[in-house]
Amino acid sequence: MIAILLYYGWHRGKVIQLSSFVALATQGAAILTFTLVKNLSQSVLGTLLATAGGSFVCIAAPDLIQESHRSRGFSATGPRWLHSARLNSRFLAH
């Protein structure tokens, strides 16, 4: 994350501040999630894990598909939805 933000022109101090916040928020969210999830049924927990996994796939798919096309020599930019997803992910990085 740090390299991406620096590449897009963020100032180093702001990047370190944001990274520190994310690191602390991750630890806090992990403790909070552990306390909330330990009493859930397995079916609800499975649904939550499947939803989280699907979300990560949707976030990573545009970059992975683009890279696989590039490594095989395809020059097309891909489907329209892939291009818009890529633009949205770049917009959210700022």
N, C-alpha and C. Protein backbone atom coordinates (compact mmCIF):
# COMPACT_ATOMS: atom_id res chain seq x y z
N MET A 1 0.81 -1.18 0.00
CA MET A 1 0.00 0.00 0.00
C MET A 1 0.86 1.26 0.00
N ILE A 2 1.95 1.22 0.71
CA ILE A 2 2.82 2.40 0.81
C ILE A 2 3.38 2.76 -0.56
N ALA A 3 3.89 1.78 -1.28
CA ALA A 3 4.47 2.04 -2.59
C ALA A 3 3.44 2.60 -3.57
N ILE A 4 2.23 2.09 -3.50
CA ILE A 4 1.17 2.56 -4.40
C ILE A 4 0.83 4.01 -4.11
N LEU A 5 0.68 4.35 -2.84
CA LEU A 5 0.34 5.72 -2.49
C LEU A 5 1.47 6.69 -2.83
N LEU A 6 2.70 6.28 -2.61
CA LEU A 6 3.83 7.13 -2.99
C LEU A 6 3.89 7.30 -4.50
N TYR A 7 3.61 6.24 -5.25
CA TYR A 7 3.61 6.31 -6.70
C TYR A 7 2.58 7.32 -7.21
N TYR A 8 1.43 7.38 -6.55
CA TYR A 8 0.38 8.30 -6.97
C TYR A 8 0.54 9.71 -6.39
N GLY A 9 1.68 9.98 -5.76
CA GLY A 9 2.01 11.34 -5.37
C GLY A 9 1.65 11.76 -3.96
N TRP A 10 1.28 10.81 -3.11
CA TRP A 10 0.98 11.17 -1.73
C TRP A 10 2.29 11.54 -1.02
N HIS A 11 2.21 12.43 -0.07
CA HIS A 11 3.39 12.81 0.71
C HIS A 11 3.74 11.69 1.70
N ARG A 12 5.04 11.52 1.91
CA ARG A 12 5.53 10.41 2.74
C ARG A 12 4.94 10.44 4.16
N GLY A 13 4.84 11.61 4.76
CA GLY A 13 4.29 11.71 6.11
C GLY A 13 2.84 11.27 6.18
N LYS A 14 2.06 11.66 5.17
CA LYS A 14 0.66 11.27 5.14
C LYS A 14 0.51 9.77 4.92
N VAL A 15 1.40 9.19 4.10
CA VAL A 15 1.37 7.74 3.86
C VAL A 15 1.69 6.98 5.14
N ILE A 16 2.69 7.42 5.87
CA ILE A 16 3.06 6.76 7.13
C ILE A 16 1.93 6.89 8.15
N GLN A 17 1.31 8.05 8.20
CA GLN A 17 0.19 8.25 9.11
C GLN A 17 -0.98 7.34 8.76
N LEU A 18 -1.31 7.24 7.49
CA LEU A 18 -2.41 6.38 7.06
C LEU A 18 -2.07 4.90 7.32
N SER A 19 -0.85 4.50 7.03
CA SER A 19 -0.44 3.11 7.27
C SER A 19 -0.49 2.75 8.74
N SER A 20 -0.09 3.68 9.59
CA SER A 20 -0.15 3.44 11.03
C SER A 20 -1.59 3.30 11.50
N PHE A 21 -2.48 4.15 10.98
CA PHE A 21 -3.88 4.06 11.34
C PHE A 21 -4.47 2.71 10.90
N VAL A 22 -4.14 2.28 9.68
CA VAL A 22 -4.65 1.01 9.18
C VAL A 22 -4.14 -0.15 10.04
N ALA A 23 -2.88 -0.10 10.44
CA ALA A 23 -2.31 -1.16 11.27
C ALA A 23 -3.01 -1.23 12.63
N LEU A 24 -3.26 -0.09 13.25
CA LEU A 24 -3.95 -0.07 14.54
C LEU A 24 -5.41 -0.46 14.40
N ALA A 25 -6.06 0.00 13.35
CA ALA A 25 -7.47 -0.35 13.13
C ALA A 25 -7.63 -1.84 12.86
N THR A 26 -6.67 -2.44 12.18
CA THR A 26 -6.73 -3.88 11.91
C THR A 26 -6.68 -4.68 13.21
N GLN A 27 -5.79 -4.30 14.09
CA GLN A 27 -5.70 -5.00 15.38
C GLN A 27 -6.97 -4.82 16.19
N GLY A 28 -7.49 -3.60 16.23
CA GLY A 28 -8.73 -3.35 16.96
C GLY A 28 -9.91 -4.11 16.37
N ALA A 29 -10.00 -4.13 15.05
CA ALA A 29 -11.09 -4.86 14.40
C ALA A 29 -10.97 -6.36 14.62
N ALA A 30 -9.75 -6.88 14.67
CA ALA A 30 -9.56 -8.31 14.92
C ALA A 30 -10.05 -8.68 16.32
N ILE A 31 -9.73 -7.87 17.30
CA ILE A 31 -10.18 -8.15 18.68
C ILE A 31 -11.70 -8.03 18.78
N LEU A 32 -12.25 -6.99 18.17
CA LEU A 32 -13.70 -6.80 18.18
C LEU A 32 -14.41 -7.95 17.47
N THR A 33 -13.90 -8.35 16.33
CA THR A 33 -14.51 -9.45 15.58
C THR A 33 -14.44 -10.75 16.37
N PHE A 34 -13.32 -11.01 17.01
CA PHE A 34 -13.19 -12.23 17.80
C PHE A 34 -14.24 -12.29 18.91
N THR A 35 -14.46 -11.16 19.57
CA THR A 35 -15.45 -11.16 20.65
C THR A 35 -16.87 -11.30 20.12
N LEU A 36 -17.16 -10.76 18.95
CA LEU A 36 -18.51 -10.84 18.39
C LEU A 36 -18.80 -12.17 17.72
N VAL A 37 -17.79 -12.80 17.14
CA VAL A 37 -18.00 -13.99 16.32
C VAL A 37 -17.98 -15.28 17.14
N LYS A 38 -17.40 -15.28 18.29
CA LYS A 38 -17.25 -16.54 19.02
C LYS A 38 -18.57 -17.17 19.44
N ASN A 39 -19.66 -16.39 19.47
CA ASN A 39 -20.96 -16.94 19.85
C ASN A 39 -21.90 -17.17 18.67
N LEU A 40 -21.42 -16.97 17.44
CA LEU A 40 -22.26 -17.18 16.26
C LEU A 40 -22.35 -18.66 15.89
N SER A 41 -23.45 -19.02 15.26
CA SER A 41 -23.58 -20.40 14.78
C SER A 41 -22.65 -20.61 13.59
N GLN A 42 -22.36 -21.86 13.30
CA GLN A 42 -21.44 -22.17 12.20
C GLN A 42 -22.01 -21.77 10.85
N SER A 43 -23.33 -21.86 10.67
CA SER A 43 -23.91 -21.49 9.39
C SER A 43 -23.79 -19.99 9.14
N VAL A 44 -24.00 -19.17 10.16
CA VAL A 44 -23.86 -17.72 10.01
C VAL A 44 -22.40 -17.37 9.78
N LEU A 45 -21.51 -17.99 10.52
CA LEU A 45 -20.09 -17.74 10.36
C LEU A 45 -19.62 -18.13 8.96
N GLY A 46 -20.11 -19.27 8.46
CA GLY A 46 -19.76 -19.70 7.10
C GLY A 46 -20.24 -18.71 6.05
N THR A 47 -21.44 -18.18 6.24
CA THR A 47 -21.97 -17.19 5.30
C THR A 47 -21.13 -15.92 5.33
N LEU A 48 -20.74 -15.48 6.50
CA LEU A 48 -19.90 -14.28 6.61
C LEU A 48 -18.54 -14.48 5.96
N LEU A 49 -17.94 -15.65 6.17
CA LEU A 49 -16.64 -15.93 5.56
C LEU A 49 -16.74 -16.02 4.05
N ALA A 50 -17.81 -16.63 3.54
CA ALA A 50 -18.00 -16.72 2.09
C ALA A 50 -18.20 -15.34 1.48
N THR A 51 -18.94 -14.48 2.16
CA THR A 51 -19.15 -13.12 1.67
C THR A 51 -17.84 -12.34 1.65
N ALA A 52 -17.06 -12.48 2.70
CA ALA A 52 -15.76 -11.79 2.75
C ALA A 52 -14.83 -12.30 1.66
N GLY A 53 -14.79 -13.61 1.46
CA GLY A 53 -13.94 -14.17 0.40
C GLY A 53 -14.37 -13.71 -0.97
N GLY A 54 -15.68 -13.69 -1.22
CA GLY A 54 -16.17 -13.21 -2.50
C GLY A 54 -15.84 -11.75 -2.74
N SER A 55 -15.88 -10.97 -1.69
CA SER A 55 -15.53 -9.55 -1.82
C SER A 55 -14.07 -9.37 -2.22
N PHE A 56 -13.20 -10.16 -1.61
CA PHE A 56 -11.78 -10.08 -1.97
C PHE A 56 -11.54 -10.51 -3.41
N VAL A 57 -12.26 -11.52 -3.87
CA VAL A 57 -12.11 -11.95 -5.26
C VAL A 57 -12.55 -10.84 -6.20
N CYS A 58 -13.67 -10.18 -5.89
CA CYS A 58 -14.15 -9.07 -6.74
C CYS A 58 -13.17 -7.90 -6.76
N ILE A 59 -12.50 -7.67 -5.66
CA ILE A 59 -11.52 -6.58 -5.61
C ILE A 59 -10.27 -6.94 -6.40
N ALA A 60 -9.81 -8.18 -6.29
CA ALA A 60 -8.55 -8.58 -6.92
C ALA A 60 -8.69 -8.99 -8.38
N ALA A 61 -9.88 -9.40 -8.80
CA ALA A 61 -10.06 -9.94 -10.16
C ALA A 61 -9.60 -9.00 -11.27
N PRO A 62 -9.95 -7.72 -11.24
CA PRO A 62 -9.51 -6.86 -12.35
C PRO A 62 -7.99 -6.83 -12.53
N ASP A 63 -7.25 -6.74 -11.44
CA ASP A 63 -5.80 -6.71 -11.54
C ASP A 63 -5.24 -8.06 -11.98
N LEU A 64 -5.79 -9.15 -11.45
CA LEU A 64 -5.29 -10.48 -11.81
C LEU A 64 -5.58 -10.81 -13.27
N ILE A 65 -6.77 -10.47 -13.74
CA ILE A 65 -7.12 -10.75 -15.14
C ILE A 65 -6.26 -9.91 -16.06
N GLN A 66 -6.09 -8.64 -15.73
CA GLN A 66 -5.25 -7.77 -16.55
C GLN A 66 -3.82 -8.30 -16.63
N GLU A 67 -3.28 -8.72 -15.51
CA GLU A 67 -1.90 -9.23 -15.49
C GLU A 67 -1.78 -10.54 -16.28
N SER A 68 -2.77 -11.41 -16.18
CA SER A 68 -2.70 -12.66 -16.93
C SER A 68 -2.79 -12.41 -18.42
N HIS A 69 -3.58 -11.43 -18.84
CA HIS A 69 -3.65 -11.08 -20.26
C HIS A 69 -2.32 -10.49 -20.73
N ARG A 70 -1.74 -9.65 -19.91
CA ARG A 70 -0.47 -9.02 -20.26
C ARG A 70 0.63 -10.07 -20.39
N SER A 71 0.65 -11.06 -19.50
CA SER A 71 1.71 -12.07 -19.54
C SER A 71 1.56 -13.00 -20.74
N ARG A 72 0.35 -13.11 -21.29
CA ARG A 72 0.12 -13.95 -22.47
C ARG A 72 0.19 -13.16 -23.77
N GLY A 73 0.44 -11.88 -23.70
CA GLY A 73 0.61 -11.08 -24.89
C GLY A 73 -0.66 -10.49 -25.47
N PHE A 74 -1.77 -10.57 -24.76
CA PHE A 74 -3.00 -9.95 -25.26
C PHE A 74 -2.87 -8.44 -25.09
N SER A 75 -3.29 -7.70 -26.11
CA SER A 75 -3.18 -6.25 -26.02
C SER A 75 -4.51 -5.57 -25.74
N ALA A 76 -5.60 -6.31 -25.77
CA ALA A 76 -6.91 -5.71 -25.52
C ALA A 76 -7.03 -5.32 -24.06
N THR A 77 -7.83 -4.30 -23.81
CA THR A 77 -7.99 -3.84 -22.43
C THR A 77 -8.99 -4.67 -21.66
N GLY A 78 -9.72 -5.52 -22.32
CA GLY A 78 -10.67 -6.39 -21.65
C GLY A 78 -12.08 -5.85 -21.72
N PRO A 79 -13.01 -6.52 -21.08
CA PRO A 79 -14.40 -6.11 -21.11
C PRO A 79 -14.61 -4.74 -20.48
N ARG A 80 -15.69 -4.10 -20.84
CA ARG A 80 -16.00 -2.76 -20.33
C ARG A 80 -16.13 -2.74 -18.81
N TRP A 81 -16.74 -3.77 -18.21
CA TRP A 81 -16.91 -3.79 -16.75
C TRP A 81 -15.57 -3.88 -16.05
N LEU A 82 -14.61 -4.57 -16.69
CA LEU A 82 -13.28 -4.70 -16.09
C LEU A 82 -12.58 -3.35 -16.09
N HIS A 83 -12.70 -2.63 -17.19
CA HIS A 83 -12.07 -1.31 -17.28
C HIS A 83 -12.66 -0.36 -16.24
N SER A 84 -13.98 -0.35 -16.09
CA SER A 84 -14.59 0.54 -15.10
C SER A 84 -14.22 0.13 -13.68
N ALA A 85 -14.10 -1.17 -13.43
CA ALA A 85 -13.69 -1.61 -12.09
C ALA A 85 -12.26 -1.17 -11.79
N ARG A 86 -11.39 -1.22 -12.80
CA ARG A 86 -10.02 -0.78 -12.63
C ARG A 86 -9.97 0.71 -12.34
N LEU A 87 -10.77 1.51 -13.06
CA LEU A 87 -10.80 2.94 -12.80
C LEU A 87 -11.33 3.24 -11.41
N ASN A 88 -12.35 2.51 -10.98
CA ASN A 88 -12.90 2.73 -9.64
C ASN A 88 -11.88 2.40 -8.57
N SER A 89 -11.11 1.32 -8.74
CA SER A 89 -10.12 0.96 -7.74
C SER A 89 -9.01 2.01 -7.67
N ARG A 90 -8.65 2.59 -8.82
CA ARG A 90 -7.63 3.66 -8.80
C ARG A 90 -8.17 4.91 -8.16
N PHE A 91 -9.44 5.22 -8.41
CA PHE A 91 -10.05 6.40 -7.82
C PHE A 91 -10.10 6.27 -6.30
N LEU A 92 -10.42 5.08 -5.80
CA LEU A 92 -10.52 4.87 -4.37
C LEU A 92 -9.16 4.91 -3.68
N ALA A 93 -8.08 4.70 -4.44
CA ALA A 93 -6.74 4.72 -3.85
C ALA A 93 -6.32 6.13 -3.47
N HIS A 94 -6.97 7.15 -4.03
CA HIS A 94 -6.61 8.53 -3.70
C HIS A 94 -7.37 8.92 -2.52
